[in-house]
Amino acid sequence: MGSTFNSLVGLIILALDIWAILNVIKSGNEVGSKVLWILLIALLPVVGLVIWAIAGPRGNVRI
């Protein structure tokens, strides 16, 4: 059961990282900024995702 749970958590983190990277790519920021965010998310999947969620570039968000 532990192995299945760990696999599920890993899959969820992978899906969220891919979603975050796609949102970074869609954002209107400069290319250099996008590359840095993508590297942060890819190299530190959990920490990078949390930092991106708090301070990352937003795509076409309308308020």
N, C-alpha and C. Protein backbone atom coordinates (compact mmCIF):
# COMPACT_ATOMS: atom_id res chain seq x y z
N MET A 1 0.82 -1.19 0.00
CA MET A 1 0.00 0.00 0.00
C MET A 1 0.86 1.26 0.00
N GLY A 2 1.97 1.24 0.70
CA GLY A 2 2.84 2.41 0.74
C GLY A 2 3.41 2.75 -0.61
N SER A 3 3.78 1.73 -1.37
CA SER A 3 4.35 1.95 -2.69
C SER A 3 3.32 2.56 -3.64
N THR A 4 2.09 2.10 -3.55
CA THR A 4 1.03 2.63 -4.40
C THR A 4 0.75 4.09 -4.05
N PHE A 5 0.72 4.39 -2.76
CA PHE A 5 0.47 5.76 -2.32
C PHE A 5 1.59 6.69 -2.79
N ASN A 6 2.84 6.24 -2.64
CA ASN A 6 3.98 7.05 -3.08
C ASN A 6 3.95 7.29 -4.59
N SER A 7 3.56 6.27 -5.33
CA SER A 7 3.46 6.41 -6.79
C SER A 7 2.38 7.42 -7.16
N LEU A 8 1.27 7.37 -6.45
CA LEU A 8 0.17 8.29 -6.72
C LEU A 8 0.58 9.73 -6.41
N VAL A 9 1.26 9.94 -5.28
CA VAL A 9 1.72 11.27 -4.92
C VAL A 9 2.73 11.77 -5.96
N GLY A 10 3.63 10.91 -6.39
CA GLY A 10 4.61 11.29 -7.41
C GLY A 10 3.94 11.67 -8.73
N LEU A 11 2.91 10.93 -9.11
CA LEU A 11 2.18 11.23 -10.34
C LEU A 11 1.46 12.57 -10.24
N ILE A 12 0.89 12.85 -9.08
CA ILE A 12 0.20 14.13 -8.88
C ILE A 12 1.19 15.29 -8.94
N ILE A 13 2.34 15.13 -8.31
CA ILE A 13 3.36 16.18 -8.36
C ILE A 13 3.85 16.39 -9.79
N LEU A 14 4.06 15.31 -10.53
CA LEU A 14 4.48 15.42 -11.93
C LEU A 14 3.43 16.17 -12.75
N ALA A 15 2.16 15.84 -12.57
CA ALA A 15 1.09 16.50 -13.32
C ALA A 15 1.03 17.99 -12.98
N LEU A 16 1.18 18.33 -11.69
CA LEU A 16 1.15 19.73 -11.29
C LEU A 16 2.37 20.49 -11.83
N ASP A 17 3.52 19.83 -11.87
CA ASP A 17 4.72 20.47 -12.42
C ASP A 17 4.54 20.75 -13.91
N ILE A 18 4.01 19.80 -14.64
CA ILE A 18 3.77 20.00 -16.07
C ILE A 18 2.77 21.14 -16.28
N TRP A 19 1.73 21.18 -15.47
CA TRP A 19 0.74 22.25 -15.56
C TRP A 19 1.38 23.61 -15.28
N ALA A 20 2.23 23.67 -14.26
CA ALA A 20 2.91 24.92 -13.93
C ALA A 20 3.84 25.36 -15.05
N ILE A 21 4.60 24.42 -15.62
CA ILE A 21 5.51 24.76 -16.72
C ILE A 21 4.72 25.28 -17.92
N LEU A 22 3.60 24.66 -18.24
CA LEU A 22 2.78 25.14 -19.35
C LEU A 22 2.25 26.55 -19.08
N ASN A 23 1.88 26.83 -17.84
CA ASN A 23 1.43 28.18 -17.49
C ASN A 23 2.56 29.20 -17.59
N VAL A 24 3.77 28.79 -17.23
CA VAL A 24 4.93 29.68 -17.37
C VAL A 24 5.15 29.99 -18.85
N ILE A 25 5.07 28.98 -19.69
CA ILE A 25 5.29 29.18 -21.12
C ILE A 25 4.23 30.12 -21.71
N LYS A 26 3.00 30.02 -21.24
CA LYS A 26 1.91 30.86 -21.75
C LYS A 26 1.96 32.29 -21.22
N SER A 27 2.73 32.53 -20.16
CA SER A 27 2.76 33.86 -19.56
C SER A 27 3.41 34.85 -20.50
N GLY A 28 3.18 36.11 -20.25
CA GLY A 28 3.71 37.15 -21.11
C GLY A 28 5.07 37.67 -20.69
N ASN A 29 5.75 36.97 -19.81
CA ASN A 29 7.05 37.41 -19.33
C ASN A 29 8.14 37.21 -20.37
N GLU A 30 9.30 37.78 -20.08
CA GLU A 30 10.45 37.64 -20.97
C GLU A 30 10.93 36.20 -21.00
N VAL A 31 11.65 35.86 -22.05
CA VAL A 31 12.14 34.49 -22.24
C VAL A 31 13.08 34.09 -21.10
N GLY A 32 13.96 34.98 -20.69
CA GLY A 32 14.89 34.66 -19.61
C GLY A 32 14.18 34.33 -18.31
N SER A 33 13.14 35.08 -18.01
CA SER A 33 12.35 34.82 -16.81
C SER A 33 11.64 33.48 -16.89
N LYS A 34 11.12 33.18 -18.07
CA LYS A 34 10.45 31.89 -18.27
C LYS A 34 11.41 30.73 -18.06
N VAL A 35 12.62 30.86 -18.62
CA VAL A 35 13.62 29.80 -18.49
C VAL A 35 13.98 29.57 -17.03
N LEU A 36 14.15 30.64 -16.28
CA LEU A 36 14.48 30.50 -14.86
C LEU A 36 13.36 29.80 -14.09
N TRP A 37 12.12 30.17 -14.35
CA TRP A 37 11.01 29.52 -13.68
C TRP A 37 10.91 28.05 -14.05
N ILE A 38 11.10 27.74 -15.32
CA ILE A 38 11.02 26.35 -15.76
C ILE A 38 12.12 25.53 -15.11
N LEU A 39 13.34 26.08 -15.03
CA LEU A 39 14.44 25.37 -14.38
C LEU A 39 14.15 25.15 -12.90
N LEU A 40 13.61 26.16 -12.23
CA LEU A 40 13.29 26.03 -10.82
C LEU A 40 12.25 24.93 -10.59
N ILE A 41 11.22 24.93 -11.40
CA ILE A 41 10.16 23.92 -11.26
C ILE A 41 10.69 22.53 -11.59
N ALA A 42 11.53 22.42 -12.62
CA ALA A 42 12.03 21.12 -13.05
C ALA A 42 13.08 20.54 -12.08
N LEU A 43 13.94 21.40 -11.55
CA LEU A 43 15.01 20.91 -10.68
C LEU A 43 14.56 20.70 -9.24
N LEU A 44 13.60 21.48 -8.79
CA LEU A 44 13.05 21.34 -7.44
C LEU A 44 11.54 21.18 -7.55
N PRO A 45 11.05 20.00 -7.90
CA PRO A 45 9.64 19.84 -8.23
C PRO A 45 8.65 20.34 -7.17
N VAL A 46 8.83 19.97 -5.93
CA VAL A 46 7.87 20.36 -4.91
C VAL A 46 8.10 21.80 -4.47
N VAL A 47 9.33 22.13 -4.11
CA VAL A 47 9.65 23.48 -3.65
C VAL A 47 9.42 24.49 -4.78
N GLY A 48 9.87 24.16 -5.98
CA GLY A 48 9.68 25.05 -7.12
C GLY A 48 8.21 25.30 -7.42
N LEU A 49 7.41 24.26 -7.28
CA LEU A 49 5.97 24.41 -7.51
C LEU A 49 5.34 25.34 -6.48
N VAL A 50 5.73 25.20 -5.23
CA VAL A 50 5.19 26.07 -4.18
C VAL A 50 5.63 27.52 -4.40
N ILE A 51 6.91 27.72 -4.72
CA ILE A 51 7.40 29.08 -4.97
C ILE A 51 6.70 29.68 -6.18
N TRP A 52 6.52 28.89 -7.23
CA TRP A 52 5.82 29.38 -8.42
C TRP A 52 4.38 29.75 -8.10
N ALA A 53 3.72 28.94 -7.28
CA ALA A 53 2.33 29.21 -6.93
C ALA A 53 2.20 30.52 -6.16
N ILE A 54 3.22 30.85 -5.37
CA ILE A 54 3.16 32.07 -4.56
C ILE A 54 3.61 33.29 -5.37
N ALA A 55 4.71 33.17 -6.10
CA ALA A 55 5.33 34.35 -6.70
C ALA A 55 5.51 34.26 -8.21
N GLY A 56 5.05 33.23 -8.83
CA GLY A 56 5.34 33.01 -10.24
C GLY A 56 4.58 33.90 -11.18
N PRO A 57 5.01 33.89 -12.44
CA PRO A 57 4.32 34.69 -13.46
C PRO A 57 2.96 34.11 -13.77
N ARG A 58 2.05 34.96 -14.03
CA ARG A 58 0.69 34.53 -14.36
C ARG A 58 0.48 34.65 -15.85
N GLY A 59 -0.37 33.78 -16.38
CA GLY A 59 -0.69 33.83 -17.81
C GLY A 59 -1.69 34.93 -18.08
N ASN A 60 -2.66 34.65 -18.86
CA ASN A 60 -3.69 35.63 -19.20
C ASN A 60 -4.77 35.64 -18.14
N VAL A 61 -4.43 36.10 -16.97
CA VAL A 61 -5.37 36.14 -15.85
C VAL A 61 -6.09 37.49 -15.86
N ARG A 62 -7.39 37.42 -15.83
CA ARG A 62 -8.18 38.66 -15.82
C ARG A 62 -8.93 38.72 -14.51
N ILE A 63 -8.87 39.87 -13.88
CA ILE A 63 -9.58 40.03 -12.60
C ILE A 63 -10.73 40.99 -12.80
